[in-house]
Amino acid sequence: MIGEFLLNFHPSSNNNIERYLEENGMEVVMPNLFYNLHREYMLEIDQKEEYHVSHPAIKILLTKLSNKYIKHVIRKVDAIGARHPLWEEKTPLEEIAQTSQHIIDKTFTAGEGWMIAGEILHNASHGVNSFLILQPFGCLPNHVTGRGLVKAIKKEKPHIQILALDYDPDTSFANVENRLQMLIINTRERERLANTV
């Protein structure tokens, strides 16, 4: 699951979609919660270093210090998670940014920006074949970086399936469920065919 931050992580916003997927036999992979914060500090550093954008010296200093602190927090959280036997080491955000750099520049952060393409390409390279992009209805930045990049992503990874789901106050769960069931059925069919080969 990738997409707009609130829709991803707030069960009341997304109609408990994570629980629904798990109840239907899917394993849900979520983006790292801290990456949204980390991305903002990376943005200013990348703008300065790669595009020579002028920021006040004190702002750059504070950005670099904040970036180091966010990385420290991520390492601490990862160290706690590593105690669990099913823990998988997380890929640094800078590496995820590089996976989509040829499609969308890592300084483009409107909406979820490059993170949608980056997370999909990264996870597709690690065995994930089905993706959900959750986006608020009418959120133009997320539509550009979400649904708008699906064709470019699928050209590179034709074996994956990507479902973009729009949410607005009138979206009924029945409408969402119909589309989710198609994703789940397609996933099961693909696994069945892969196991028979």
N, C-alpha and C. Protein backbone atom coordinates (compact mmCIF):
# COMPACT_ATOMS: atom_id res chain seq x y z
N MET A 1 0.85 -1.18 0.00
CA MET A 1 0.00 0.00 0.00
C MET A 1 0.89 1.23 0.00
N ILE A 2 0.62 2.11 -0.91
CA ILE A 2 1.37 3.35 -1.02
C ILE A 2 0.37 4.43 -1.41
N GLY A 3 0.73 5.66 -1.24
CA GLY A 3 -0.16 6.75 -1.64
C GLY A 3 -0.20 7.83 -0.60
N GLU A 4 -1.31 8.54 -0.53
CA GLU A 4 -1.43 9.67 0.36
C GLU A 4 -1.26 9.22 1.82
N PHE A 5 -0.47 9.97 2.54
CA PHE A 5 -0.01 9.60 3.88
C PHE A 5 -1.15 9.24 4.83
N LEU A 6 -2.15 10.12 4.95
CA LEU A 6 -3.25 9.87 5.88
C LEU A 6 -4.04 8.64 5.47
N LEU A 7 -4.33 8.50 4.20
CA LEU A 7 -5.09 7.33 3.73
C LEU A 7 -4.34 6.03 3.99
N ASN A 8 -3.03 6.06 3.87
CA ASN A 8 -2.25 4.85 4.12
C ASN A 8 -2.33 4.38 5.56
N PHE A 9 -2.19 5.33 6.48
CA PHE A 9 -1.97 4.94 7.88
C PHE A 9 -3.17 5.12 8.80
N HIS A 10 -4.25 5.71 8.33
CA HIS A 10 -5.40 5.94 9.21
C HIS A 10 -6.54 5.01 8.81
N PRO A 11 -6.80 3.97 9.61
CA PRO A 11 -7.83 2.97 9.24
C PRO A 11 -9.21 3.56 8.99
N SER A 12 -9.58 4.60 9.72
CA SER A 12 -10.90 5.20 9.51
C SER A 12 -10.98 5.92 8.17
N SER A 13 -9.85 6.39 7.68
CA SER A 13 -9.84 7.08 6.38
C SER A 13 -9.94 6.10 5.22
N ASN A 14 -9.33 4.92 5.38
CA ASN A 14 -9.29 3.98 4.25
C ASN A 14 -10.22 2.78 4.42
N ASN A 15 -11.19 2.88 5.33
CA ASN A 15 -12.16 1.79 5.57
C ASN A 15 -11.48 0.49 5.99
N ASN A 16 -10.45 0.61 6.83
CA ASN A 16 -9.74 -0.58 7.35
C ASN A 16 -9.28 -1.51 6.23
N ILE A 17 -8.72 -0.92 5.21
CA ILE A 17 -8.33 -1.69 4.03
C ILE A 17 -7.23 -2.70 4.33
N GLU A 18 -6.33 -2.35 5.25
CA GLU A 18 -5.24 -3.28 5.60
C GLU A 18 -5.82 -4.56 6.21
N ARG A 19 -6.75 -4.40 7.16
CA ARG A 19 -7.38 -5.57 7.79
C ARG A 19 -8.13 -6.40 6.75
N TYR A 20 -8.84 -5.71 5.84
CA TYR A 20 -9.60 -6.41 4.80
C TYR A 20 -8.68 -7.27 3.94
N LEU A 21 -7.57 -6.71 3.51
CA LEU A 21 -6.62 -7.45 2.68
C LEU A 21 -6.06 -8.65 3.42
N GLU A 22 -5.70 -8.46 4.68
CA GLU A 22 -5.16 -9.57 5.48
C GLU A 22 -6.20 -10.66 5.69
N GLU A 23 -7.45 -10.27 5.90
CA GLU A 23 -8.52 -11.27 6.06
C GLU A 23 -8.75 -12.06 4.78
N ASN A 24 -8.32 -11.50 3.65
CA ASN A 24 -8.46 -12.17 2.36
C ASN A 24 -7.14 -12.79 1.90
N GLY A 25 -6.26 -13.05 2.84
CA GLY A 25 -5.05 -13.81 2.55
C GLY A 25 -3.88 -13.03 1.97
N MET A 26 -3.95 -11.72 1.98
CA MET A 26 -2.86 -10.91 1.44
C MET A 26 -1.93 -10.47 2.57
N GLU A 27 -0.65 -10.40 2.26
CA GLU A 27 0.32 -9.81 3.20
C GLU A 27 0.51 -8.36 2.80
N VAL A 28 0.29 -7.45 3.73
CA VAL A 28 0.35 -6.02 3.42
C VAL A 28 1.72 -5.47 3.78
N VAL A 29 2.33 -4.78 2.82
CA VAL A 29 3.61 -4.11 3.05
C VAL A 29 3.33 -2.62 3.02
N MET A 30 3.69 -1.95 4.11
CA MET A 30 3.44 -0.51 4.22
C MET A 30 4.77 0.24 4.09
N PRO A 31 4.70 1.50 3.63
CA PRO A 31 5.92 2.31 3.61
C PRO A 31 6.36 2.64 5.04
N ASN A 32 7.61 2.99 5.19
CA ASN A 32 8.12 3.38 6.50
C ASN A 32 7.48 4.70 6.90
N LEU A 33 6.93 4.74 8.10
CA LEU A 33 6.21 5.92 8.59
C LEU A 33 7.09 7.16 8.62
N PHE A 34 8.39 6.99 8.91
CA PHE A 34 9.29 8.14 9.03
C PHE A 34 9.75 8.69 7.68
N TYR A 35 9.53 7.93 6.60
CA TYR A 35 10.07 8.35 5.31
C TYR A 35 9.45 9.66 4.83
N ASN A 36 8.19 9.91 5.17
CA ASN A 36 7.56 11.17 4.76
C ASN A 36 8.27 12.37 5.37
N LEU A 37 8.68 12.24 6.63
CA LEU A 37 9.42 13.33 7.28
C LEU A 37 10.82 13.44 6.69
N HIS A 38 11.46 12.30 6.53
CA HIS A 38 12.84 12.27 6.04
C HIS A 38 12.93 12.88 4.64
N ARG A 39 11.94 12.61 3.82
CA ARG A 39 11.93 13.09 2.44
C ARG A 39 12.03 14.61 2.36
N GLU A 40 11.38 15.31 3.29
CA GLU A 40 11.38 16.78 3.25
C GLU A 40 12.78 17.34 3.49
N TYR A 41 13.54 16.71 4.36
CA TYR A 41 14.90 17.18 4.60
C TYR A 41 15.82 16.81 3.44
N MET A 42 15.59 15.64 2.86
CA MET A 42 16.36 15.25 1.68
C MET A 42 16.13 16.24 0.54
N LEU A 43 14.90 16.74 0.42
CA LEU A 43 14.54 17.65 -0.67
C LEU A 43 15.44 18.88 -0.68
N GLU A 44 15.54 19.54 0.45
CA GLU A 44 16.33 20.78 0.49
C GLU A 44 17.81 20.51 0.24
N ILE A 45 18.31 19.41 0.76
CA ILE A 45 19.71 19.06 0.54
C ILE A 45 19.95 18.78 -0.94
N ASP A 46 19.05 18.00 -1.57
CA ASP A 46 19.19 17.69 -2.99
C ASP A 46 19.06 18.94 -3.87
N GLN A 47 18.13 19.82 -3.52
CA GLN A 47 17.97 21.07 -4.28
C GLN A 47 19.27 21.88 -4.26
N LYS A 48 19.87 21.95 -3.08
CA LYS A 48 21.11 22.74 -2.92
C LYS A 48 22.27 22.09 -3.66
N GLU A 49 22.43 20.77 -3.47
CA GLU A 49 23.61 20.09 -4.02
C GLU A 49 23.51 19.82 -5.52
N GLU A 50 22.31 19.51 -6.01
CA GLU A 50 22.19 19.11 -7.41
C GLU A 50 21.71 20.22 -8.33
N TYR A 51 20.91 21.15 -7.79
CA TYR A 51 20.35 22.21 -8.63
C TYR A 51 20.79 23.61 -8.19
N HIS A 52 21.66 23.67 -7.19
CA HIS A 52 22.24 24.94 -6.72
C HIS A 52 21.17 25.95 -6.31
N VAL A 53 20.08 25.45 -5.73
CA VAL A 53 19.03 26.33 -5.21
C VAL A 53 19.60 27.04 -3.99
N SER A 54 19.38 28.32 -3.93
CA SER A 54 19.92 29.12 -2.83
C SER A 54 18.97 29.11 -1.65
N HIS A 55 19.46 28.59 -0.53
CA HIS A 55 18.74 28.64 0.73
C HIS A 55 19.64 29.35 1.73
N PRO A 56 19.08 30.06 2.70
CA PRO A 56 19.92 30.69 3.72
C PRO A 56 20.80 29.64 4.42
N ALA A 57 22.01 30.02 4.76
CA ALA A 57 22.98 29.09 5.36
C ALA A 57 22.42 28.45 6.63
N ILE A 58 21.72 29.24 7.44
CA ILE A 58 21.19 28.70 8.70
C ILE A 58 20.13 27.64 8.42
N LYS A 59 19.35 27.85 7.35
CA LYS A 59 18.32 26.87 6.99
C LYS A 59 18.96 25.56 6.53
N ILE A 60 20.01 25.65 5.73
CA ILE A 60 20.71 24.44 5.28
C ILE A 60 21.32 23.71 6.46
N LEU A 61 21.92 24.47 7.39
CA LEU A 61 22.51 23.86 8.58
C LEU A 61 21.44 23.12 9.39
N LEU A 62 20.31 23.77 9.62
CA LEU A 62 19.22 23.14 10.38
C LEU A 62 18.66 21.92 9.63
N THR A 63 18.58 22.02 8.32
CA THR A 63 18.09 20.90 7.51
C THR A 63 19.02 19.70 7.64
N LYS A 64 20.33 19.95 7.55
CA LYS A 64 21.30 18.85 7.65
C LYS A 64 21.28 18.22 9.04
N LEU A 65 21.15 19.06 10.07
CA LEU A 65 21.05 18.53 11.44
C LEU A 65 19.77 17.72 11.62
N SER A 66 18.66 18.24 11.10
CA SER A 66 17.38 17.53 11.19
C SER A 66 17.44 16.21 10.44
N ASN A 67 18.08 16.22 9.28
CA ASN A 67 18.22 15.01 8.47
C ASN A 67 19.00 13.94 9.25
N LYS A 68 20.08 14.36 9.90
CA LYS A 68 20.87 13.42 10.71
C LYS A 68 20.04 12.87 11.87
N TYR A 69 19.23 13.76 12.49
CA TYR A 69 18.41 13.32 13.62
C TYR A 69 17.35 12.32 13.16
N ILE A 70 16.70 12.59 12.02
CA ILE A 70 15.69 11.65 11.49
C ILE A 70 16.33 10.30 11.20
N LYS A 71 17.52 10.30 10.61
CA LYS A 71 18.23 9.04 10.34
C LYS A 71 18.53 8.30 11.64
N HIS A 72 18.90 9.06 12.68
CA HIS A 72 19.17 8.46 14.00
C HIS A 72 17.90 7.80 14.55
N VAL A 73 16.77 8.48 14.44
CA VAL A 73 15.50 7.93 14.92
C VAL A 73 15.15 6.66 14.14
N ILE A 74 15.33 6.70 12.82
CA ILE A 74 15.03 5.52 11.99
C ILE A 74 15.91 4.34 12.41
N ARG A 75 17.19 4.59 12.67
CA ARG A 75 18.09 3.51 13.12
C ARG A 75 17.63 2.93 14.45
N LYS A 76 17.19 3.81 15.37
CA LYS A 76 16.70 3.36 16.69
C LYS A 76 15.46 2.48 16.53
N VAL A 77 14.52 2.93 15.71
CA VAL A 77 13.29 2.16 15.48
C VAL A 77 13.63 0.82 14.83
N ASP A 78 14.53 0.85 13.85
CA ASP A 78 14.94 -0.39 13.18
C ASP A 78 15.61 -1.36 14.15
N ALA A 79 16.39 -0.84 15.08
CA ALA A 79 17.05 -1.69 16.08
C ALA A 79 16.03 -2.39 16.96
N ILE A 80 14.96 -1.70 17.30
CA ILE A 80 13.89 -2.32 18.10
C ILE A 80 13.17 -3.38 17.26
N GLY A 81 12.85 -3.03 16.00
CA GLY A 81 12.18 -3.98 15.12
C GLY A 81 13.00 -5.22 14.84
N ALA A 82 14.32 -5.07 14.83
CA ALA A 82 15.22 -6.20 14.52
C ALA A 82 15.17 -7.30 15.57
N ARG A 83 14.59 -7.01 16.72
CA ARG A 83 14.45 -8.05 17.75
C ARG A 83 13.40 -9.09 17.38
N HIS A 84 12.52 -8.74 16.46
CA HIS A 84 11.46 -9.67 16.05
C HIS A 84 12.02 -10.64 15.00
N PRO A 85 11.68 -11.94 15.11
CA PRO A 85 12.25 -12.93 14.18
C PRO A 85 11.86 -12.72 12.71
N LEU A 86 10.75 -12.03 12.44
CA LEU A 86 10.32 -11.81 11.05
C LEU A 86 10.78 -10.46 10.49
N TRP A 87 11.61 -9.77 11.24
CA TRP A 87 12.06 -8.45 10.82
C TRP A 87 12.89 -8.53 9.54
N GLU A 88 12.64 -7.60 8.65
CA GLU A 88 13.46 -7.46 7.45
C GLU A 88 14.09 -6.08 7.46
N GLU A 89 15.36 -6.02 7.18
CA GLU A 89 16.07 -4.74 7.19
C GLU A 89 15.46 -3.80 6.16
N LYS A 90 15.28 -2.54 6.55
CA LYS A 90 14.67 -1.55 5.67
C LYS A 90 15.73 -0.92 4.76
N THR A 91 15.32 -0.62 3.56
CA THR A 91 16.20 0.03 2.60
C THR A 91 16.21 1.53 2.88
N PRO A 92 17.39 2.14 2.93
CA PRO A 92 17.44 3.60 3.15
C PRO A 92 16.67 4.36 2.08
N LEU A 93 16.06 5.46 2.49
CA LEU A 93 15.23 6.25 1.59
C LEU A 93 16.01 6.76 0.38
N GLU A 94 17.28 7.08 0.57
CA GLU A 94 18.10 7.56 -0.55
C GLU A 94 18.18 6.51 -1.66
N GLU A 95 18.25 5.24 -1.28
CA GLU A 95 18.30 4.16 -2.28
C GLU A 95 16.96 4.01 -3.00
N ILE A 96 15.87 4.14 -2.25
CA ILE A 96 14.54 4.06 -2.86
C ILE A 96 14.36 5.21 -3.85
N ALA A 97 14.87 6.40 -3.49
CA ALA A 97 14.77 7.57 -4.38
C ALA A 97 15.48 7.30 -5.70
N GLN A 98 16.60 6.60 -5.65
CA GLN A 98 17.37 6.35 -6.88
C GLN A 98 16.63 5.39 -7.83
N THR A 99 15.78 4.51 -7.29
CA THR A 99 15.10 3.54 -8.16
C THR A 99 14.14 4.21 -9.13
N SER A 100 13.60 5.38 -8.75
CA SER A 100 12.62 6.05 -9.62
C SER A 100 13.17 7.33 -10.25
N GLN A 101 14.43 7.62 -10.03
CA GLN A 101 15.03 8.87 -10.51
C GLN A 101 14.92 9.01 -12.04
N HIS A 102 14.95 7.90 -12.75
CA HIS A 102 14.86 7.96 -14.22
C HIS A 102 13.43 8.23 -14.70
N ILE A 103 12.44 8.10 -13.79
CA ILE A 103 11.04 8.36 -14.14
C ILE A 103 10.59 9.72 -13.62
N ILE A 104 10.94 10.00 -12.37
CA ILE A 104 10.54 11.26 -11.74
C ILE A 104 11.66 11.72 -10.82
N ASP A 105 12.02 12.98 -10.93
CA ASP A 105 13.15 13.50 -10.16
C ASP A 105 12.85 13.49 -8.67
N LYS A 106 13.88 13.17 -7.89
CA LYS A 106 13.67 13.05 -6.44
C LYS A 106 13.42 14.38 -5.74
N THR A 107 13.55 15.49 -6.47
CA THR A 107 13.18 16.77 -5.87
C THR A 107 11.70 17.10 -6.09
N PHE A 108 10.98 16.23 -6.82
CA PHE A 108 9.54 16.44 -7.01
C PHE A 108 8.81 15.79 -5.85
N THR A 109 8.30 16.60 -4.94
CA THR A 109 7.66 16.05 -3.73
C THR A 109 6.21 16.49 -3.56
N ALA A 110 5.61 17.08 -4.59
CA ALA A 110 4.19 17.44 -4.48
C ALA A 110 3.37 16.17 -4.28
N GLY A 111 2.40 16.23 -3.40
CA GLY A 111 1.69 15.00 -3.02
C GLY A 111 2.69 14.07 -2.34
N GLU A 112 2.68 12.81 -2.72
CA GLU A 112 3.70 11.89 -2.21
C GLU A 112 4.93 11.90 -3.11
N GLY A 113 4.83 12.64 -4.22
CA GLY A 113 5.97 12.82 -5.09
C GLY A 113 6.56 11.53 -5.61
N TRP A 114 7.87 11.50 -5.67
CA TRP A 114 8.59 10.35 -6.22
C TRP A 114 8.44 9.10 -5.37
N MET A 115 7.95 9.24 -4.14
CA MET A 115 7.88 8.08 -3.24
C MET A 115 6.95 6.99 -3.78
N ILE A 116 5.91 7.36 -4.50
CA ILE A 116 4.99 6.34 -5.03
C ILE A 116 5.73 5.46 -6.03
N ALA A 117 6.34 6.08 -7.03
CA ALA A 117 7.09 5.30 -8.03
C ALA A 117 8.27 4.59 -7.38
N GLY A 118 8.96 5.26 -6.48
CA GLY A 118 10.13 4.66 -5.83
C GLY A 118 9.77 3.42 -5.02
N GLU A 119 8.72 3.52 -4.22
CA GLU A 119 8.30 2.37 -3.40
C GLU A 119 7.84 1.21 -4.28
N ILE A 120 7.09 1.51 -5.34
CA ILE A 120 6.61 0.44 -6.21
C ILE A 120 7.78 -0.26 -6.89
N LEU A 121 8.67 0.50 -7.50
CA LEU A 121 9.81 -0.11 -8.19
C LEU A 121 10.72 -0.87 -7.24
N HIS A 122 10.93 -0.31 -6.06
CA HIS A 122 11.78 -0.98 -5.07
C HIS A 122 11.15 -2.31 -4.62
N ASN A 123 9.88 -2.26 -4.24
CA ASN A 123 9.22 -3.48 -3.75
C ASN A 123 9.02 -4.51 -4.85
N ALA A 124 8.77 -4.05 -6.08
CA ALA A 124 8.63 -4.99 -7.21
C ALA A 124 9.93 -5.75 -7.43
N SER A 125 11.06 -5.11 -7.15
CA SER A 125 12.36 -5.77 -7.29
C SER A 125 12.62 -6.77 -6.16
N HIS A 126 11.79 -6.71 -5.13
CA HIS A 126 11.94 -7.61 -3.98
C HIS A 126 10.75 -8.56 -3.83
N GLY A 127 10.07 -8.85 -4.95
CA GLY A 127 9.06 -9.91 -4.94
C GLY A 127 7.62 -9.49 -4.73
N VAL A 128 7.35 -8.22 -4.53
CA VAL A 128 5.96 -7.78 -4.39
C VAL A 128 5.39 -7.56 -5.79
N ASN A 129 4.22 -8.14 -6.06
CA ASN A 129 3.66 -8.07 -7.41
C ASN A 129 2.32 -7.33 -7.52
N SER A 130 1.72 -6.96 -6.38
CA SER A 130 0.43 -6.26 -6.39
C SER A 130 0.54 -5.00 -5.55
N PHE A 131 0.06 -3.90 -6.09
CA PHE A 131 0.21 -2.61 -5.41
C PHE A 131 -1.11 -1.85 -5.39
N LEU A 132 -1.35 -1.16 -4.28
CA LEU A 132 -2.48 -0.25 -4.14
C LEU A 132 -1.95 1.15 -3.98
N ILE A 133 -2.47 2.09 -4.76
CA ILE A 133 -2.18 3.50 -4.56
C ILE A 133 -3.45 4.14 -4.02
N LEU A 134 -3.42 4.59 -2.78
CA LEU A 134 -4.58 5.23 -2.16
C LEU A 134 -4.44 6.73 -2.33
N GLN A 135 -5.47 7.37 -2.86
CA GLN A 135 -5.38 8.81 -3.08
C GLN A 135 -6.73 9.48 -2.87
N PRO A 136 -6.71 10.68 -2.30
CA PRO A 136 -7.96 11.42 -2.14
C PRO A 136 -8.48 11.84 -3.51
N PHE A 137 -9.78 11.78 -3.70
CA PHE A 137 -10.38 12.20 -4.97
C PHE A 137 -10.06 13.67 -5.21
N GLY A 138 -9.56 13.97 -6.40
CA GLY A 138 -9.28 15.36 -6.76
C GLY A 138 -7.93 15.87 -6.30
N CYS A 139 -7.10 15.02 -5.69
CA CYS A 139 -5.77 15.45 -5.26
C CYS A 139 -4.85 15.36 -6.48
N LEU A 140 -4.72 16.47 -7.19
CA LEU A 140 -3.99 16.48 -8.45
C LEU A 140 -2.53 16.01 -8.30
N PRO A 141 -1.77 16.48 -7.29
CA PRO A 141 -0.38 16.01 -7.18
C PRO A 141 -0.28 14.49 -7.07
N ASN A 142 -1.14 13.87 -6.27
CA ASN A 142 -1.08 12.41 -6.13
C ASN A 142 -1.58 11.70 -7.38
N HIS A 143 -2.50 12.31 -8.11
CA HIS A 143 -2.93 11.69 -9.35
C HIS A 143 -1.81 11.71 -10.39
N VAL A 144 -1.02 12.77 -10.39
CA VAL A 144 0.10 12.86 -11.33
C VAL A 144 1.18 11.84 -10.97
N THR A 145 1.55 11.80 -9.68
CA THR A 145 2.64 10.91 -9.27
C THR A 145 2.17 9.50 -8.97
N GLY A 146 0.87 9.30 -8.86
CA GLY A 146 0.32 7.96 -8.63
C GLY A 146 -0.15 7.38 -9.94
N ARG A 147 -1.41 7.62 -10.24
CA ARG A 147 -2.01 7.08 -11.47
C ARG A 147 -1.27 7.53 -12.73
N GLY A 148 -0.76 8.77 -12.72
CA GLY A 148 -0.09 9.30 -13.88
C GLY A 148 1.20 8.59 -14.25
N LEU A 149 1.82 7.90 -13.28
CA LEU A 149 3.08 7.21 -13.54
C LEU A 149 2.92 5.70 -13.72
N VAL A 150 1.70 5.21 -13.61
CA VAL A 150 1.48 3.76 -13.70
C VAL A 150 1.99 3.20 -15.03
N LYS A 151 1.72 3.89 -16.11
CA LYS A 151 2.12 3.39 -17.43
C LYS A 151 3.65 3.25 -17.52
N ALA A 152 4.37 4.25 -17.03
CA ALA A 152 5.84 4.20 -17.07
C ALA A 152 6.37 3.09 -16.18
N ILE A 153 5.74 2.88 -15.02
CA ILE A 153 6.17 1.83 -14.10
C ILE A 153 5.89 0.45 -14.70
N LYS A 154 4.68 0.29 -15.26
CA LYS A 154 4.30 -1.01 -15.85
C LYS A 154 5.16 -1.35 -17.07
N LYS A 155 5.60 -0.35 -17.79
CA LYS A 155 6.49 -0.59 -18.93
C LYS A 155 7.79 -1.24 -18.45
N GLU A 156 8.23 -0.82 -17.29
CA GLU A 156 9.47 -1.35 -16.72
C GLU A 156 9.24 -2.68 -15.98
N LYS A 157 8.08 -2.81 -15.35
CA LYS A 157 7.76 -4.01 -14.57
C LYS A 157 6.40 -4.56 -15.04
N PRO A 158 6.35 -5.17 -16.23
CA PRO A 158 5.06 -5.59 -16.79
C PRO A 158 4.36 -6.69 -15.99
N HIS A 159 5.07 -7.39 -15.13
CA HIS A 159 4.48 -8.50 -14.38
C HIS A 159 3.67 -8.06 -13.16
N ILE A 160 3.74 -6.78 -12.79
CA ILE A 160 3.04 -6.34 -11.57
C ILE A 160 1.66 -5.80 -11.92
N GLN A 161 0.78 -5.75 -10.91
CA GLN A 161 -0.52 -5.11 -11.07
C GLN A 161 -0.61 -3.95 -10.08
N ILE A 162 -1.16 -2.85 -10.57
CA ILE A 162 -1.27 -1.63 -9.76
C ILE A 162 -2.73 -1.17 -9.82
N LEU A 163 -3.31 -0.98 -8.64
CA LEU A 163 -4.68 -0.49 -8.54
C LEU A 163 -4.66 0.85 -7.81
N ALA A 164 -5.10 1.91 -8.48
CA ALA A 164 -5.23 3.22 -7.86
C ALA A 164 -6.67 3.38 -7.36
N LEU A 165 -6.82 3.63 -6.07
CA LEU A 165 -8.15 3.80 -5.48
C LEU A 165 -8.35 5.24 -5.04
N ASP A 166 -9.40 5.86 -5.55
CA ASP A 166 -9.75 7.23 -5.15
C ASP A 166 -10.73 7.18 -3.99
N TYR A 167 -10.48 8.02 -3.02
CA TYR A 167 -11.39 8.12 -1.88
C TYR A 167 -11.96 9.53 -1.82
N ASP A 168 -13.26 9.63 -1.63
CA ASP A 168 -13.88 10.91 -1.30
C ASP A 168 -14.93 10.63 -0.24
N PRO A 169 -15.52 11.66 0.35
CA PRO A 169 -16.47 11.41 1.46
C PRO A 169 -17.63 10.50 1.10
N ASP A 170 -17.97 10.42 -0.19
CA ASP A 170 -19.12 9.60 -0.61
C ASP A 170 -18.73 8.20 -1.06
N THR A 171 -17.43 7.87 -1.00
CA THR A 171 -17.00 6.55 -1.47
C THR A 171 -17.51 5.48 -0.52
N SER A 172 -18.30 4.55 -1.05
CA SER A 172 -18.80 3.45 -0.22
C SER A 172 -17.78 2.32 -0.22
N PHE A 173 -17.75 1.54 0.87
CA PHE A 173 -16.80 0.43 0.91
C PHE A 173 -17.16 -0.62 -0.13
N ALA A 174 -18.44 -0.73 -0.50
CA ALA A 174 -18.83 -1.70 -1.52
C ALA A 174 -18.13 -1.40 -2.84
N ASN A 175 -18.01 -0.13 -3.19
CA ASN A 175 -17.32 0.26 -4.42
C ASN A 175 -15.83 -0.10 -4.33
N VAL A 176 -15.22 0.19 -3.19
CA VAL A 176 -13.80 -0.14 -2.98
C VAL A 176 -13.62 -1.65 -2.98
N GLU A 177 -14.52 -2.36 -2.30
CA GLU A 177 -14.40 -3.82 -2.17
C GLU A 177 -14.43 -4.51 -3.53
N ASN A 178 -15.30 -4.07 -4.43
CA ASN A 178 -15.37 -4.68 -5.77
C ASN A 178 -14.02 -4.62 -6.46
N ARG A 179 -13.36 -3.48 -6.39
CA ARG A 179 -12.07 -3.32 -7.04
C ARG A 179 -10.98 -4.12 -6.32
N LEU A 180 -11.06 -4.14 -5.00
CA LEU A 180 -10.08 -4.93 -4.23
C LEU A 180 -10.20 -6.42 -4.54
N GLN A 181 -11.44 -6.89 -4.67
CA GLN A 181 -11.64 -8.31 -4.96
C GLN A 181 -11.02 -8.69 -6.31
N MET A 182 -11.10 -7.80 -7.29
CA MET A 182 -10.46 -8.06 -8.58
C MET A 182 -8.95 -8.19 -8.41
N LEU A 183 -8.36 -7.32 -7.60
CA LEU A 183 -6.93 -7.38 -7.32
C LEU A 183 -6.57 -8.70 -6.64
N ILE A 184 -7.35 -9.08 -5.64
CA ILE A 184 -7.09 -10.31 -4.89
C ILE A 184 -7.24 -11.53 -5.80
N ILE A 185 -8.31 -11.58 -6.59
CA ILE A 185 -8.53 -12.72 -7.51
C ILE A 185 -7.39 -12.82 -8.51
N ASN A 186 -6.98 -11.68 -9.09
CA ASN A 186 -5.86 -11.68 -10.05
C ASN A 186 -4.57 -12.15 -9.40
N THR A 187 -4.34 -11.73 -8.16
CA THR A 187 -3.13 -12.14 -7.44
C THR A 187 -3.11 -13.64 -7.23
N ARG A 188 -4.24 -14.18 -6.78
CA ARG A 188 -4.32 -15.64 -6.56
C ARG A 188 -4.12 -16.42 -7.86
N GLU A 189 -4.73 -15.92 -8.94
CA GLU A 189 -4.60 -16.59 -10.23
C GLU A 189 -3.16 -16.56 -10.72
N ARG A 190 -2.50 -15.44 -10.55
CA ARG A 190 -1.09 -15.34 -10.96
C ARG A 190 -0.22 -16.29 -10.15
N GLU A 191 -0.50 -16.39 -8.84
CA GLU A 191 0.27 -17.32 -8.00
C GLU A 191 0.01 -18.76 -8.42
N ARG A 192 -1.24 -19.07 -8.72
CA ARG A 192 -1.57 -20.44 -9.14
C ARG A 192 -0.84 -20.79 -10.43
N LEU A 193 -0.84 -19.87 -11.38
CA LEU A 193 -0.16 -20.13 -12.64
C LEU A 193 1.35 -20.24 -12.45
N ALA A 194 1.90 -19.41 -11.56
CA ALA A 194 3.34 -19.48 -11.29
C ALA A 194 3.73 -20.81 -10.65
N ASN A 195 2.84 -21.34 -9.81
CA ASN A 195 3.14 -22.62 -9.14
C ASN A 195 2.97 -23.83 -10.03
N THR A 196 2.21 -23.68 -11.13
CA THR A 196 2.02 -24.81 -12.04
C THR A 196 3.11 -24.89 -13.10
N VAL A 197 3.87 -23.82 -13.23
CA VAL A 197 4.93 -23.78 -14.26
C VAL A 197 6.17 -24.50 -13.76
